[in-house]
Amino acid sequence: MLSNIFVRLLTSVRPVHNYQQHFVRLLSTAETITNETSSSSNREKGVVKRFSKEKGFGFISKTSDGTDYFVHFKNINATGFKQLEQGQEVEFIATQGEKGLEAK
């Protein structure tokens, strides 16, 4: 079952869209997120540890405890080439995927 899931990129500015799929949502720090399926209380803050443009996936390190979460390019809602940059601050929802922890 697909639902709206977010990763907040604190340094990017992009249009806000409501898609019924997993995605990374690019936002400016001034924008607010309104979504009935996710509240700010269940979001985690982290930093992009690494992201391979060629492979289309990477890892986000949770700020509070350093736990690593997998992130896939399909979860990025952006125009053009979907990617994250090393060191980029993000906000995400931590989930347990089939193979381990995932950031969505």
PDB file of N, CA and C in Angstrom:
ATOM      1  N   MET A   1       0.839  -1.179   0.000  1.00  0.00           N
ATOM      2  CA  MET A   1       0.000   0.000   0.000  1.00  0.00           C
ATOM      3  C   MET A   1       0.881   1.237   0.000  1.00  0.00           C
ATOM      4  N   LEU A   2       0.655   2.113  -0.915  1.00  0.00           N
ATOM      5  CA  LEU A   2       1.457   3.329  -1.021  1.00  0.00           C
ATOM      6  C   LEU A   2       0.821   4.447  -0.214  1.00  0.00           C
ATOM      7  N   SER A   3       1.644   5.285   0.360  1.00  0.00           N
ATOM      8  CA  SER A   3       1.138   6.429   1.117  1.00  0.00           C
ATOM      9  C   SER A   3       2.074   7.606   0.921  1.00  0.00           C
ATOM     10  N   ASN A   4       1.641   8.764   1.345  1.00  0.00           N
ATOM     11  CA  ASN A   4       2.499   9.954   1.264  1.00  0.00           C
ATOM     12  C   ASN A   4       3.546   9.874   2.351  1.00  0.00           C
ATOM     13  N   ILE A   5       4.798   9.885   1.960  1.00  0.00           N
ATOM     14  CA  ILE A   5       5.911   9.823   2.894  1.00  0.00           C
ATOM     15  C   ILE A   5       6.915  10.870   2.464  1.00  0.00           C
ATOM     16  N   PHE A   6       7.571  11.522   3.418  1.00  0.00           N
ATOM     17  CA  PHE A   6       8.371  12.686   3.094  1.00  0.00           C
ATOM     18  C   PHE A   6       9.789  12.623   3.621  1.00  0.00           C
ATOM     19  N   VAL A   7      10.697  13.168   2.889  1.00  0.00           N
ATOM     20  CA  VAL A   7      12.016  13.561   3.379  1.00  0.00           C
ATOM     21  C   VAL A   7      12.120  15.042   3.082  1.00  0.00           C
ATOM     22  N   ARG A   8      12.452  15.831   4.049  1.00  0.00           N
ATOM     23  CA  ARG A   8      12.478  17.284   3.867  1.00  0.00           C
ATOM     24  C   ARG A   8      13.908  17.743   3.665  1.00  0.00           C
ATOM     25  N   LEU A   9      14.159  18.340   2.540  1.00  0.00           N
ATOM     26  CA  LEU A   9      15.471  18.890   2.257  1.00  0.00           C
ATOM     27  C   LEU A   9      15.449  20.347   2.661  1.00  0.00           C
ATOM     28  N   LEU A  10      16.213  20.675   3.683  1.00  0.00           N
ATOM     29  CA  LEU A  10      16.135  21.997   4.276  1.00  0.00           C
ATOM     30  C   LEU A  10      16.803  23.080   3.444  1.00  0.00           C
ATOM     31  N   THR A  11      17.575  22.692   2.429  1.00  0.00           N
ATOM     32  CA  THR A  11      18.309  23.683   1.659  1.00  0.00           C
ATOM     33  C   THR A  11      17.764  23.888   0.253  1.00  0.00           C
ATOM     34  N   SER A  12      16.723  23.159  -0.137  1.00  0.00           N
ATOM     35  CA  SER A  12      16.212  23.232  -1.505  1.00  0.00           C
ATOM     36  C   SER A  12      14.843  23.889  -1.550  1.00  0.00           C
ATOM     37  N   VAL A  13      14.517  24.442  -2.695  1.00  0.00           N
ATOM     38  CA  VAL A  13      13.199  25.032  -2.908  1.00  0.00           C
ATOM     39  C   VAL A  13      12.596  24.375  -4.137  1.00  0.00           C
ATOM     40  N   ARG A  14      11.448  23.752  -3.980  1.00  0.00           N
ATOM     41  CA  ARG A  14      10.743  23.104  -5.081  1.00  0.00           C
ATOM     42  C   ARG A  14       9.241  23.284  -4.857  1.00  0.00           C
ATOM     43  N   PRO A  15       8.432  23.131  -5.912  1.00  0.00           N
ATOM     44  CA  PRO A  15       6.987  23.188  -5.743  1.00  0.00           C
ATOM     45  C   PRO A  15       6.502  22.053  -4.843  1.00  0.00           C
ATOM     46  N   VAL A  16       5.412  22.283  -4.153  1.00  0.00           N
ATOM     47  CA  VAL A  16       4.823  21.264  -3.293  1.00  0.00           C
ATOM     48  C   VAL A  16       3.766  20.519  -4.097  1.00  0.00           C
ATOM     49  N   HIS A  17       3.818  19.193  -4.073  1.00  0.00           N
ATOM     50  CA  HIS A  17       2.869  18.351  -4.789  1.00  0.00           C
ATOM     51  C   HIS A  17       2.323  17.304  -3.830  1.00  0.00           C
ATOM     52  N   ASN A  18       1.127  16.808  -4.080  1.00  0.00           N
ATOM     53  CA  ASN A  18       0.561  15.693  -3.336  1.00  0.00           C
ATOM     54  C   ASN A  18       0.504  14.484  -4.256  1.00  0.00           C
ATOM     55  N   TYR A  19       1.442  13.570  -4.134  1.00  0.00           N
ATOM     56  CA  TYR A  19       1.470  12.351  -4.919  1.00  0.00           C
ATOM     57  C   TYR A  19       1.117  11.183  -4.013  1.00  0.00           C
ATOM     58  N   GLN A  20       0.413  10.197  -4.540  1.00  0.00           N
ATOM     59  CA  GLN A  20       0.087   9.004  -3.778  1.00  0.00           C
ATOM     60  C   GLN A  20       1.167   7.956  -4.026  1.00  0.00           C
ATOM     61  N   GLN A  21       2.374   8.255  -3.580  1.00  0.00           N
ATOM     62  CA  GLN A  21       3.518   7.356  -3.704  1.00  0.00           C
ATOM     63  C   GLN A  21       4.548   7.763  -2.668  1.00  0.00           C
ATOM     64  N   HIS A  22       5.544   6.906  -2.476  1.00  0.00           N
ATOM     65  CA  HIS A  22       6.636   7.250  -1.576  1.00  0.00           C
ATOM     66  C   HIS A  22       7.511   8.278  -2.277  1.00  0.00           C
ATOM     67  N   PHE A  23       7.916   9.336  -1.576  1.00  0.00           N
ATOM     68  CA  PHE A  23       8.778  10.305  -2.217  1.00  0.00           C
ATOM     69  C   PHE A  23       9.514  11.172  -1.222  1.00  0.00           C
ATOM     70  N   VAL A  24      10.606  11.706  -1.683  1.00  0.00           N
ATOM     71  CA  VAL A  24      11.345  12.727  -0.958  1.00  0.00           C
ATOM     72  C   VAL A  24      10.757  14.056  -1.384  1.00  0.00           C
ATOM     73  N   ARG A  25      10.427  14.904  -0.464  1.00  0.00           N
ATOM     74  CA  ARG A  25       9.766  16.162  -0.787  1.00  0.00           C
ATOM     75  C   ARG A  25      10.736  17.307  -0.566  1.00  0.00           C
ATOM     76  N   LEU A  26      11.023  18.033  -1.620  1.00  0.00           N
ATOM     77  CA  LEU A  26      11.942  19.155  -1.546  1.00  0.00           C
ATOM     78  C   LEU A  26      11.172  20.395  -1.123  1.00  0.00           C
ATOM     79  N   LEU A  27      11.643  21.044  -0.069  1.00  0.00           N
ATOM     80  CA  LEU A  27      10.939  22.195   0.482  1.00  0.00           C
ATOM     81  C   LEU A  27      11.902  23.279   0.888  1.00  0.00           C
ATOM     82  N   SER A  28      11.413  24.495   0.921  1.00  0.00           N
ATOM     83  CA  SER A  28      12.185  25.556   1.558  1.00  0.00           C
ATOM     84  C   SER A  28      11.872  25.490   3.043  1.00  0.00           C
ATOM     85  N   THR A  29      12.712  26.058   3.867  1.00  0.00           N
ATOM     86  CA  THR A  29      12.475  26.018   5.305  1.00  0.00           C
ATOM     87  C   THR A  29      11.246  26.820   5.704  1.00  0.00           C
ATOM     88  N   ALA A  30      10.782  27.716   4.848  1.00  0.00           N
ATOM     89  CA  ALA A  30       9.615  28.541   5.162  1.00  0.00           C
ATOM     90  C   ALA A  30       8.301  27.822   4.890  1.00  0.00           C
ATOM     91  N   GLU A  31       8.318  26.795   4.050  1.00  0.00           N
ATOM     92  CA  GLU A  31       7.098  26.089   3.712  1.00  0.00           C
ATOM     93  C   GLU A  31       6.678  25.171   4.850  1.00  0.00           C
ATOM     94  N   THR A  32       5.385  24.911   4.931  1.00  0.00           N
ATOM     95  CA  THR A  32       4.890  23.978   5.930  1.00  0.00           C
ATOM     96  C   THR A  32       4.318  22.767   5.225  1.00  0.00           C
ATOM     97  N   ILE A  33       4.364  21.644   5.907  1.00  0.00           N
ATOM     98  CA  ILE A  33       3.823  20.410   5.352  1.00  0.00           C
ATOM     99  C   ILE A  33       2.482  20.152   6.014  1.00  0.00           C
ATOM    100  N   THR A  34       1.454  19.952   5.216  1.00  0.00           N
ATOM    101  CA  THR A  34       0.165  19.561   5.755  1.00  0.00           C
ATOM    102  C   THR A  34      -0.187  18.232   5.134  1.00  0.00           C
ATOM    103  N   ASN A  35      -0.218  17.201   5.955  1.00  0.00           N
ATOM    104  CA  ASN A  35      -0.504  15.853   5.474  1.00  0.00           C
ATOM    105  C   ASN A  35      -1.119  15.066   6.609  1.00  0.00           C
ATOM    106  N   GLU A  36      -2.254  14.451   6.341  1.00  0.00           N
ATOM    107  CA  GLU A  36      -2.943  13.698   7.369  1.00  0.00           C
ATOM    108  C   GLU A  36      -2.221  12.414   7.752  1.00  0.00           C
ATOM    109  N   THR A  37      -1.328  11.893   6.907  1.00  0.00           N
ATOM    110  CA  THR A  37      -0.673  10.622   7.198  1.00  0.00           C
ATOM    111  C   THR A  37       0.654  10.775   7.905  1.00  0.00           C
ATOM    112  N   SER A  38       1.199  11.976   7.998  1.00  0.00           N
ATOM    113  CA  SER A  38       2.471  12.144   8.694  1.00  0.00           C
ATOM    114  C   SER A  38       2.488  13.483   9.404  1.00  0.00           C
ATOM    115  N   SER A  39       2.834  13.459  10.658  1.00  0.00           N
ATOM    116  CA  SER A  39       2.930  14.704  11.409  1.00  0.00           C
ATOM    117  C   SER A  39       4.390  14.981  11.706  1.00  0.00           C
ATOM    118  N   SER A  40       4.681  16.201  12.112  1.00  0.00           N
ATOM    119  CA  SER A  40       6.068  16.560  12.388  1.00  0.00           C
ATOM    120  C   SER A  40       6.632  15.767  13.553  1.00  0.00           C
ATOM    121  N   SER A  41       5.779  15.209  14.407  1.00  0.00           N
ATOM    122  CA  SER A  41       6.266  14.473  15.566  1.00  0.00           C
ATOM    123  C   SER A  41       6.908  13.138  15.195  1.00  0.00           C
ATOM    124  N   ASN A  42       6.588  12.555  14.045  1.00  0.00           N
ATOM    125  CA  ASN A  42       7.193  11.276  13.682  1.00  0.00           C
ATOM    126  C   ASN A  42       8.273  11.424  12.612  1.00  0.00           C
ATOM    127  N   ARG A  43       8.746  12.624  12.409  1.00  0.00           N
ATOM    128  CA  ARG A  43       9.839  12.857  11.464  1.00  0.00           C
ATOM    129  C   ARG A  43      11.158  12.859  12.205  1.00  0.00           C
ATOM    130  N   GLU A  44      12.184  12.411  11.522  1.00  0.00           N
ATOM    131  CA  GLU A  44      13.546  12.399  12.051  1.00  0.00           C
ATOM    132  C   GLU A  44      14.375  13.396  11.259  1.00  0.00           C
ATOM    133  N   LYS A  45      15.413  13.923  11.871  1.00  0.00           N
ATOM    134  CA  LYS A  45      16.342  14.803  11.163  1.00  0.00           C
ATOM    135  C   LYS A  45      17.617  14.022  10.893  1.00  0.00           C
ATOM    136  N   GLY A  46      18.237  14.318   9.749  1.00  0.00           N
ATOM    137  CA  GLY A  46      19.461  13.632   9.391  1.00  0.00           C
ATOM    138  C   GLY A  46      20.256  14.399   8.358  1.00  0.00           C
ATOM    139  N   VAL A  47      21.369  13.786   7.965  1.00  0.00           N
ATOM    140  CA  VAL A  47      22.271  14.357   6.972  1.00  0.00           C
ATOM    141  C   VAL A  47      22.563  13.270   5.944  1.00  0.00           C
ATOM    142  N   VAL A  48      22.586  13.654   4.669  1.00  0.00           N
ATOM    143  CA  VAL A  48      22.910  12.690   3.620  1.00  0.00           C
ATOM    144  C   VAL A  48      24.363  12.268   3.797  1.00  0.00           C
ATOM    145  N   LYS A  49      24.556  10.982   4.072  1.00  0.00           N
ATOM    146  CA  LYS A  49      25.897  10.434   4.284  1.00  0.00           C
ATOM    147  C   LYS A  49      26.589  10.234   2.940  1.00  0.00           C
ATOM    148  N   ARG A  50      25.862   9.625   2.016  1.00  0.00           N
ATOM    149  CA  ARG A  50      26.364   9.460   0.649  1.00  0.00           C
ATOM    150  C   ARG A  50      25.177   9.136  -0.251  1.00  0.00           C
ATOM    151  N   PHE A  51      25.326   9.481  -1.531  1.00  0.00           N
ATOM    152  CA  PHE A  51      24.299   9.190  -2.519  1.00  0.00           C
ATOM    153  C   PHE A  51      24.984   8.976  -3.853  1.00  0.00           C
ATOM    154  N   SER A  52      24.777   7.812  -4.461  1.00  0.00           N
ATOM    155  CA  SER A  52      25.375   7.480  -5.750  1.00  0.00           C
ATOM    156  C   SER A  52      24.417   7.883  -6.867  1.00  0.00           C
ATOM    157  N   LYS A  53      24.825   8.852  -7.668  1.00  0.00           N
ATOM    158  CA  LYS A  53      24.011   9.283  -8.803  1.00  0.00           C
ATOM    159  C   LYS A  53      23.875   8.151  -9.815  1.00  0.00           C
ATOM    160  N   GLU A  54      24.942   7.371  -9.982  1.00  0.00           N
ATOM    161  CA  GLU A  54      24.952   6.280 -10.952  1.00  0.00           C
ATOM    162  C   GLU A  54      24.024   5.147 -10.526  1.00  0.00           C
ATOM    163  N   LYS A  55      24.025   4.805  -9.238  1.00  0.00           N
ATOM    164  CA  LYS A  55      23.215   3.691  -8.744  1.00  0.00           C
ATOM    165  C   LYS A  55      21.819   4.123  -8.318  1.00  0.00           C
ATOM    166  N   GLY A  56      21.644   5.410  -8.028  1.00  0.00           N
ATOM    167  CA  GLY A  56      20.326   5.921  -7.680  1.00  0.00           C
ATOM    168  C   GLY A  56      19.892   5.683  -6.247  1.00  0.00           C
ATOM    169  N   PHE A  57      20.833   5.442  -5.368  1.00  0.00           N
ATOM    170  CA  PHE A  57      20.481   5.284  -3.963  1.00  0.00           C
ATOM    171  C   PHE A  57      21.610   5.769  -3.075  1.00  0.00           C
ATOM    172  N   GLY A  58      21.299   5.882  -1.794  1.00  0.00           N
ATOM    173  CA  GLY A  58      22.301   6.335  -0.837  1.00  0.00           C
ATOM    174  C   GLY A  58      21.836   6.111   0.577  1.00  0.00           C
ATOM    175  N   PHE A  59      22.466   6.827   1.512  1.00  0.00           N
ATOM    176  CA  PHE A  59      22.169   6.650   2.922  1.00  0.00           C
ATOM    177  C   PHE A  59      22.087   7.993   3.627  1.00  0.00           C
ATOM    178  N   ILE A  60      21.145   8.073   4.548  1.00  0.00           N
ATOM    179  CA  ILE A  60      20.967   9.243   5.402  1.00  0.00           C
ATOM    180  C   ILE A  60      21.322   8.820   6.816  1.00  0.00           C
ATOM    181  N   SER A  61      22.131   9.618   7.486  1.00  0.00           N
ATOM    182  CA  SER A  61      22.523   9.358   8.868  1.00  0.00           C
ATOM    183  C   SER A  61      21.638  10.192   9.794  1.00  0.00           C
ATOM    184  N   LYS A  62      20.919   9.514  10.689  1.00  0.00           N
ATOM    185  CA  LYS A  62      20.033  10.189  11.640  1.00  0.00           C
ATOM    186  C   LYS A  62      20.858  11.034  12.596  1.00  0.00           C
ATOM    187  N   THR A  63      20.490  12.295  12.757  1.00  0.00           N
ATOM    188  CA  THR A  63      21.253  13.241  13.563  1.00  0.00           C
ATOM    189  C   THR A  63      21.348  12.824  15.027  1.00  0.00           C
ATOM    190  N   SER A  64      20.273  12.352  15.608  1.00  0.00           N
ATOM    191  CA  SER A  64      20.248  12.082  17.047  1.00  0.00           C
ATOM    192  C   SER A  64      21.120  10.913  17.488  1.00  0.00           C
ATOM    193  N   ASP A  65      21.249   9.875  16.657  1.00  0.00           N
ATOM    194  CA  ASP A  65      22.024   8.708  17.099  1.00  0.00           C
ATOM    195  C   ASP A  65      22.962   8.118  16.045  1.00  0.00           C
ATOM    196  N   GLY A  66      23.012   8.701  14.852  1.00  0.00           N
ATOM    197  CA  GLY A  66      23.933   8.229  13.822  1.00  0.00           C
ATOM    198  C   GLY A  66      23.484   6.998  13.061  1.00  0.00           C
ATOM    199  N   THR A  67      22.269   6.523  13.303  1.00  0.00           N
ATOM    200  CA  THR A  67      21.751   5.363  12.586  1.00  0.00           C
ATOM    201  C   THR A  67      21.619   5.694  11.105  1.00  0.00           C
ATOM    202  N   ASP A  68      22.013   4.752  10.239  1.00  0.00           N
ATOM    203  CA  ASP A  68      21.933   4.958   8.795  1.00  0.00           C
ATOM    204  C   ASP A  68      20.631   4.396   8.234  1.00  0.00           C
ATOM    205  N   TYR A  69      20.038   5.150   7.303  1.00  0.00           N
ATOM    206  CA  TYR A  69      18.805   4.760   6.635  1.00  0.00           C
ATOM    207  C   TYR A  69      19.022   4.796   5.134  1.00  0.00           C
ATOM    208  N   PHE A  70      18.566   3.753   4.443  1.00  0.00           N
ATOM    209  CA  PHE A  70      18.634   3.655   2.993  1.00  0.00           C
ATOM    210  C   PHE A  70      17.627   4.622   2.371  1.00  0.00           C
ATOM    211  N   VAL A  71      18.015   5.276   1.274  1.00  0.00           N
ATOM    212  CA  VAL A  71      17.081   6.120   0.521  1.00  0.00           C
ATOM    213  C   VAL A  71      17.289   5.858  -0.971  1.00  0.00           C
ATOM    214  N   HIS A  72      16.190   5.690  -1.717  1.00  0.00           N
ATOM    215  CA  HIS A  72      16.224   5.398  -3.149  1.00  0.00           C
ATOM    216  C   HIS A  72      15.755   6.614  -3.935  1.00  0.00           C
ATOM    217  N   PHE A  73      16.284   6.774  -5.153  1.00  0.00           N
ATOM    218  CA  PHE A  73      15.928   7.939  -5.966  1.00  0.00           C
ATOM    219  C   PHE A  73      14.433   8.016  -6.252  1.00  0.00           C
ATOM    220  N   LYS A  74      13.722   6.895  -6.269  1.00  0.00           N
ATOM    221  CA  LYS A  74      12.277   6.908  -6.518  1.00  0.00           C
ATOM    222  C   LYS A  74      11.538   7.696  -5.442  1.00  0.00           C
ATOM    223  N   ASN A  75      12.171   7.853  -4.287  1.00  0.00           N
ATOM    224  CA  ASN A  75      11.555   8.574  -3.176  1.00  0.00           C
ATOM    225  C   ASN A  75      11.850  10.063  -3.208  1.00  0.00           C
ATOM    226  N   ILE A  76      12.452  10.542  -4.284  1.00  0.00           N
ATOM    227  CA  ILE A  76      12.778  11.963  -4.415  1.00  0.00           C
ATOM    228  C   ILE A  76      11.808  12.596  -5.399  1.00  0.00           C
ATOM    229  N   ASN A  77      11.107  13.613  -4.953  1.00  0.00           N
ATOM    230  CA  ASN A  77      10.186  14.340  -5.824  1.00  0.00           C
ATOM    231  C   ASN A  77      10.886  15.619  -6.262  1.00  0.00           C
ATOM    232  N   ALA A  78      11.414  15.601  -7.468  1.00  0.00           N
ATOM    233  CA  ALA A  78      12.128  16.763  -7.992  1.00  0.00           C
ATOM    234  C   ALA A  78      11.984  16.775  -9.503  1.00  0.00           C
ATOM    235  N   THR A  79      12.127  17.937 -10.082  1.00  0.00           N
ATOM    236  CA  THR A  79      12.131  18.012 -11.532  1.00  0.00           C
ATOM    237  C   THR A  79      13.535  17.697 -12.015  1.00  0.00           C
ATOM    238  N   GLY A  80      13.627  17.066 -13.157  1.00  0.00           N
ATOM    239  CA  GLY A  80      14.940  16.728 -13.692  1.00  0.00           C
ATOM    240  C   GLY A  80      15.540  15.510 -13.012  1.00  0.00           C
ATOM    241  N   PHE A  81      16.847  15.520 -12.901  1.00  0.00           N
ATOM    242  CA  PHE A  81      17.591  14.398 -12.340  1.00  0.00           C
ATOM    243  C   PHE A  81      17.407  14.343 -10.830  1.00  0.00           C
ATOM    244  N   LYS A  82      16.940  13.208 -10.310  1.00  0.00           N
ATOM    245  CA  LYS A  82      16.645  13.068  -8.886  1.00  0.00           C
ATOM    246  C   LYS A  82      17.881  12.602  -8.133  1.00  0.00           C
ATOM    247  N   GLN A  83      18.334  13.437  -7.202  1.00  0.00           N
ATOM    248  CA  GLN A  83      19.528  13.094  -6.432  1.00  0.00           C
ATOM    249  C   GLN A  83      19.563  13.868  -5.129  1.00  0.00           C
ATOM    250  N   LEU A  84      20.412  13.428  -4.227  1.00  0.00           N
ATOM    251  CA  LEU A  84      20.704  14.124  -2.978  1.00  0.00           C
ATOM    252  C   LEU A  84      22.189  14.417  -2.962  1.00  0.00           C
ATOM    253  N   GLU A  85      22.584  15.400  -2.183  1.00  0.00           N
ATOM    254  CA  GLU A  85      23.991  15.774  -2.088  1.00  0.00           C
ATOM    255  C   GLU A  85      24.544  15.415  -0.712  1.00  0.00           C
ATOM    256  N   GLN A  86      25.763  14.910  -0.679  1.00  0.00           N
ATOM    257  CA  GLN A  86      26.418  14.580   0.574  1.00  0.00           C
ATOM    258  C   GLN A  86      26.441  15.812   1.477  1.00  0.00           C
ATOM    259  N   GLY A  87      26.090  15.617   2.751  1.00  0.00           N
ATOM    260  CA  GLY A  87      26.082  16.704   3.713  1.00  0.00           C
ATOM    261  C   GLY A  87      24.784  17.491   3.763  1.00  0.00           C
ATOM    262  N   GLN A  88      23.860  17.208   2.863  1.00  0.00           N
ATOM    263  CA  GLN A  88      22.587  17.925   2.816  1.00  0.00           C
ATOM    264  C   GLN A  88      21.732  17.533   4.028  1.00  0.00           C
ATOM    265  N   GLU A  89      21.178  18.521   4.721  1.00  0.00           N
ATOM    266  CA  GLU A  89      20.314  18.265   5.864  1.00  0.00           C
ATOM    267  C   GLU A  89      18.928  17.878   5.368  1.00  0.00           C
ATOM    268  N   VAL A  90      18.361  16.831   5.966  1.00  0.00           N
ATOM    269  CA  VAL A  90      17.053  16.335   5.554  1.00  0.00           C
ATOM    270  C   VAL A  90      16.203  16.026   6.773  1.00  0.00           C
ATOM    271  N   GLU A  91      14.917  15.951   6.534  1.00  0.00           N
ATOM    272  CA  GLU A  91      13.962  15.489   7.527  1.00  0.00           C
ATOM    273  C   GLU A  91      13.222  14.343   6.863  1.00  0.00           C
ATOM    274  N   PHE A  92      13.026  13.245   7.581  1.00  0.00           N
ATOM    275  CA  PHE A  92      12.459  12.057   6.957  1.00  0.00           C
ATOM    276  C   PHE A  92      11.643  11.253   7.949  1.00  0.00           C
ATOM    277  N   ILE A  93      10.899  10.293   7.413  1.00  0.00           N
ATOM    278  CA  ILE A  93      10.178   9.333   8.239  1.00  0.00           C
ATOM    279  C   ILE A  93      10.947   8.024   8.158  1.00  0.00           C
ATOM    280  N   ALA A  94      11.309   7.501   9.313  1.00  0.00           N
ATOM    281  CA  ALA A  94      12.053   6.248   9.392  1.00  0.00           C
ATOM    282  C   ALA A  94      11.075   5.081   9.299  1.00  0.00           C
ATOM    283  N   THR A  95      11.377   4.141   8.400  1.00  0.00           N
ATOM    284  CA  THR A  95      10.541   2.952   8.250  1.00  0.00           C
ATOM    285  C   THR A  95      11.413   1.709   8.250  1.00  0.00           C
ATOM    286  N   GLN A  96      10.798   0.570   8.503  1.00  0.00           N
ATOM    287  CA  GLN A  96      11.479  -0.716   8.428  1.00  0.00           C
ATOM    288  C   GLN A  96      11.102  -1.341   7.097  1.00  0.00           C
ATOM    289  N   GLY A  97      12.053  -1.433   6.177  1.00  0.00           N
ATOM    290  CA  GLY A  97      11.811  -2.042   4.879  1.00  0.00           C
ATOM    291  C   GLY A  97      12.090  -3.534   4.922  1.00  0.00           C
ATOM    292  N   GLU A  98      11.941  -4.197   3.788  1.00  0.00           N
ATOM    293  CA  GLU A  98      12.193  -5.635   3.704  1.00  0.00           C
ATOM    294  C   GLU A  98      13.639  -5.989   4.016  1.00  0.00           C
ATOM    295  N   LYS A  99      14.567  -5.092   3.648  1.00  0.00           N
ATOM    296  CA  LYS A  99      15.989  -5.382   3.826  1.00  0.00           C
ATOM    297  C   LYS A  99      16.637  -4.570   4.938  1.00  0.00           C
ATOM    298  N   GLY A 100      15.889  -3.712   5.615  1.00  0.00           N
ATOM    299  CA  GLY A 100      16.461  -2.900   6.682  1.00  0.00           C
ATOM    300  C   GLY A 100      15.781  -1.556   6.811  1.00  0.00           C
ATOM    301  N   LEU A 101      16.441  -0.641   7.507  1.00  0.00           N
ATOM    302  CA  LEU A 101      15.883   0.684   7.764  1.00  0.00           C
ATOM    303  C   LEU A 101      15.870   1.530   6.495  1.00  0.00           C
ATOM    304  N   GLU A 102      14.770   2.253   6.274  1.00  0.00           N
ATOM    305  CA  GLU A 102      14.625   3.099   5.097  1.00  0.00           C
ATOM    306  C   GLU A 102      14.162   4.492   5.500  1.00  0.00           C
ATOM    307  N   ALA A 103      14.640   5.490   4.772  1.00  0.00           N
ATOM    308  CA  ALA A 103      14.195   6.875   4.942  1.00  0.00           C
ATOM    309  C   ALA A 103      13.222   7.186   3.830  1.00  0.00           C
ATOM    310  N   LYS A 104      12.033   7.633   4.204  1.00  0.00           N
ATOM    311  CA  LYS A 104      11.015   7.960   3.200  1.00  0.00           C
ATOM    312  C   LYS A 104      10.345   9.241   3.572  1.00  0.00           C
TER     313      LYS A 104
END
